[in-house]
Amino acid sequence: MDNASTNSASKGRTLKHQALVYMHEEFKAKNKSFKNNWVWYSRSDIQNILNAIDNLPAGDGVRLYHGVYDKAVCDYLNTLTSTQDYNNHIGHNTVFFVPTYKGSEADEHIDNISAAEADMDRADRNAGKPIPQSFDGGEGYNLGTICPPPTPPKTECGKKGNNL
């Protein structure tokens, strides 16, 4: 057996710190246009993601997507809160989680967003339509703490503990 430990419930592995450092350095080298280095989620954020999975019939996991904040998304986020202006997030990369549920195939994990919905959303985006301002729950989870932060002062964002 190799040095990476495995979990019998998934194909996930824990990796030695050298592998994590190598992967992160390679990512930074190949993605120089990214404005931030990592996204931090609190334990309660992770628990909310787990709760979203548990609330799905046959919820079985989560898919992690990469994204970039654009004006339409920031305008939408500004309608959800009066405590933060998200316009300064435009151009920053992020990650977001979409809970999945088990499909009929052995290794099929289906996003909690239908293909038809995603196609309509792509068409609306391409047509320049804004995101509707109503919020009726959510299919994905975002808004961790991005580093470096998009708002002044530009800090080292918790350099203590950020070892990669």
Protein backbone atom coordinates (compact mmCIF):
# COMPACT_ATOMS: atom_id res chain seq x y z
CA MET A 1 0.00 0.00 0.00
CA ASP A 2 1.23 3.51 -0.76
CA ASN A 3 2.00 6.13 1.90
CA ALA A 4 -1.26 8.04 1.41
CA SER A 5 -4.00 6.80 3.69
CA THR A 6 -7.41 6.07 2.23
CA ASN A 7 -10.94 6.28 3.53
CA SER A 8 -13.07 3.26 2.69
CA ALA A 9 -16.16 5.45 2.17
CA SER A 10 -14.52 7.56 -0.55
CA LYS A 11 -11.62 7.73 -2.91
CA GLY A 12 -10.21 10.63 -0.91
CA ARG A 13 -6.69 10.54 0.45
CA THR A 14 -4.73 12.36 3.04
CA LEU A 15 -1.46 13.60 1.59
CA LYS A 16 1.90 14.42 3.11
CA HIS A 17 2.64 18.10 3.49
CA GLN A 18 5.25 17.99 0.70
CA ALA A 19 2.60 16.96 -1.83
CA LEU A 20 0.30 19.75 -0.67
CA VAL A 21 3.06 22.35 -0.95
CA TYR A 22 4.08 21.08 -4.41
CA MET A 23 0.47 21.14 -5.67
CA HIS A 24 -0.18 24.62 -4.29
CA GLU A 25 3.05 26.03 -5.74
CA GLU A 26 2.22 24.52 -9.14
CA PHE A 27 -1.28 25.99 -9.00
CA LYS A 28 0.06 29.47 -8.18
CA ALA A 29 2.65 29.20 -10.97
CA LYS A 30 0.01 28.26 -13.56
CA ASN A 31 -2.63 30.74 -12.35
CA LYS A 32 -0.74 34.00 -11.95
CA SER A 33 -3.83 36.05 -12.80
CA PHE A 34 -5.67 34.86 -9.70
CA LYS A 35 -6.08 37.70 -7.23
CA ASN A 36 -6.22 35.59 -4.11
CA ASN A 37 -4.40 32.59 -2.76
CA TRP A 38 -6.94 30.62 -0.73
CA VAL A 39 -10.45 30.66 0.72
CA TRP A 40 -11.10 29.89 4.39
CA TYR A 41 -14.35 28.38 5.69
CA SER A 42 -15.21 28.16 9.38
CA ARG A 43 -16.27 24.97 11.11
CA SER A 44 -19.86 26.27 11.18
CA ASP A 45 -19.67 26.95 7.41
CA ILE A 46 -18.58 23.34 6.86
CA GLN A 47 -21.39 22.15 9.15
CA ASN A 48 -23.89 24.16 7.04
CA ILE A 49 -22.57 22.43 3.93
CA LEU A 50 -22.94 19.03 5.63
CA ASN A 51 -26.48 19.96 6.70
CA ALA A 52 -27.33 20.87 3.10
CA ILE A 53 -26.14 17.42 2.00
CA ASP A 54 -28.14 15.75 4.79
CA ASN A 55 -31.29 17.65 3.74
CA LEU A 56 -31.18 16.21 0.22
CA PRO A 57 -32.89 12.92 -0.49
CA ALA A 58 -29.96 10.55 -1.09
CA GLY A 59 -27.47 13.38 -0.39
CA ASP A 60 -24.04 11.84 -0.77
CA GLY A 61 -21.39 14.53 -1.01
CA VAL A 62 -20.35 17.90 -2.33
CA ARG A 63 -18.67 19.11 -5.51
CA LEU A 64 -16.15 21.93 -5.23
CA TYR A 65 -16.18 24.42 -8.11
CA HIS A 66 -13.83 27.29 -8.92
CA GLY A 67 -15.31 30.63 -9.89
CA VAL A 68 -14.59 34.33 -10.33
CA TYR A 69 -16.78 37.13 -9.02
CA ASP A 70 -18.14 39.26 -11.84
CA LYS A 71 -20.36 42.36 -11.72
CA ALA A 72 -23.63 40.43 -12.01
CA VAL A 73 -22.74 38.18 -9.06
CA CYS A 74 -21.53 41.11 -6.95
CA ASP A 75 -24.72 43.09 -7.72
CA TYR A 76 -26.73 40.04 -6.62
CA LEU A 77 -24.69 39.60 -3.42
CA ASN A 78 -25.20 43.28 -2.60
CA THR A 79 -28.99 42.65 -2.57
CA LEU A 80 -28.54 39.98 0.11
CA THR A 81 -26.73 42.14 2.65
CA SER A 82 -26.35 45.75 3.68
CA THR A 83 -23.23 45.13 5.76
CA GLN A 84 -20.72 44.63 2.95
CA ASP A 85 -20.19 46.06 -0.54
CA TYR A 86 -19.26 43.17 -2.82
CA ASN A 87 -18.29 45.35 -5.80
CA ASN A 88 -14.68 45.17 -4.60
CA HIS A 89 -14.80 41.37 -5.12
CA ILE A 90 -15.07 41.76 -8.92
CA GLY A 91 -12.28 39.76 -10.57
CA HIS A 92 -11.40 37.76 -7.44
CA ASN A 93 -11.44 33.99 -7.69
CA THR A 94 -13.35 31.84 -5.23
CA VAL A 95 -14.53 28.32 -4.62
CA PHE A 96 -18.07 27.22 -3.98
CA PHE A 97 -19.67 23.99 -2.89
CA VAL A 98 -22.67 22.33 -4.53
CA PRO A 99 -24.24 19.44 -2.59
CA THR A 100 -24.76 16.26 -4.59
CA TYR A 101 -27.08 13.30 -4.36
CA LYS A 102 -26.61 9.72 -5.47
CA GLY A 103 -27.68 8.91 -8.99
CA SER A 104 -28.71 5.55 -10.39
CA GLU A 105 -25.20 4.67 -11.64
CA ALA A 106 -22.54 3.33 -9.26
CA ASP A 107 -20.30 6.44 -9.29
CA GLU A 108 -22.96 9.00 -10.24
CA HIS A 109 -23.12 12.08 -8.00
CA ILE A 110 -25.64 14.62 -9.27
CA ASP A 111 -25.38 18.35 -8.52
CA ASN A 112 -28.32 19.86 -6.67
CA ILE A 113 -28.73 22.07 -9.74
CA SER A 114 -30.49 20.55 -12.72
CA ALA A 115 -28.86 20.55 -16.15
CA ALA A 116 -31.87 22.46 -17.53
CA GLU A 117 -31.51 25.16 -14.85
CA ALA A 118 -27.79 25.49 -15.54
CA ASP A 119 -28.42 25.80 -19.30
CA MET A 120 -31.04 28.53 -18.71
CA ASP A 121 -28.66 30.34 -16.35
CA ARG A 122 -25.86 30.23 -18.96
CA ALA A 123 -28.22 31.66 -21.59
CA ASP A 124 -29.30 34.46 -19.22
CA ARG A 125 -25.66 35.27 -18.43
CA ASN A 126 -24.74 35.34 -22.11
CA ALA A 127 -27.70 37.67 -22.72
CA GLY A 128 -26.47 39.99 -19.95
CA LYS A 129 -29.51 39.46 -17.70
CA PRO A 130 -29.05 40.18 -13.99
CA ILE A 131 -29.41 37.48 -11.37
CA PRO A 132 -32.94 37.66 -9.88
CA GLN A 133 -32.92 39.54 -6.58
CA SER A 134 -35.16 37.09 -4.74
CA PHE A 135 -33.42 34.49 -2.61
CA ASP A 136 -35.40 31.34 -1.92
CA GLY A 137 -32.73 29.20 -0.38
CA GLY A 138 -29.76 27.98 -2.25
CA GLU A 139 -28.26 25.19 -4.23
CA GLY A 140 -24.65 26.06 -3.47
CA TYR A 141 -22.52 27.49 -0.71
CA ASN A 142 -20.05 30.35 -1.08
CA LEU A 143 -18.65 33.35 0.77
CA GLY A 144 -15.74 31.99 2.70
CA THR A 145 -12.93 34.40 3.58
CA ILE A 146 -10.72 35.02 0.56
CA CYS A 147 -7.04 35.92 0.88
CA PRO A 148 -5.70 38.42 0.18
CA PRO A 149 -8.93 40.25 0.98
CA PRO A 150 -10.43 42.47 -1.73
CA THR A 151 -10.94 45.32 0.75
CA PRO A 152 -8.22 47.53 2.20
CA PRO A 153 -6.07 47.17 4.09
CA LYS A 154 -4.41 44.42 2.11
CA THR A 155 -3.07 42.22 4.88
CA GLU A 156 -1.21 38.97 5.02
CA CYS A 157 -4.60 37.43 5.95
CA GLY A 158 -3.80 35.44 8.95
CA LYS A 159 -0.25 34.60 7.93
CA LYS A 160 0.00 32.65 11.17
CA GLY A 161 -1.22 29.16 10.40
CA ASN A 162 -1.26 29.71 6.62
CA ASN A 163 1.64 27.37 5.94
CA LEU A 164 1.25 26.67 2.22
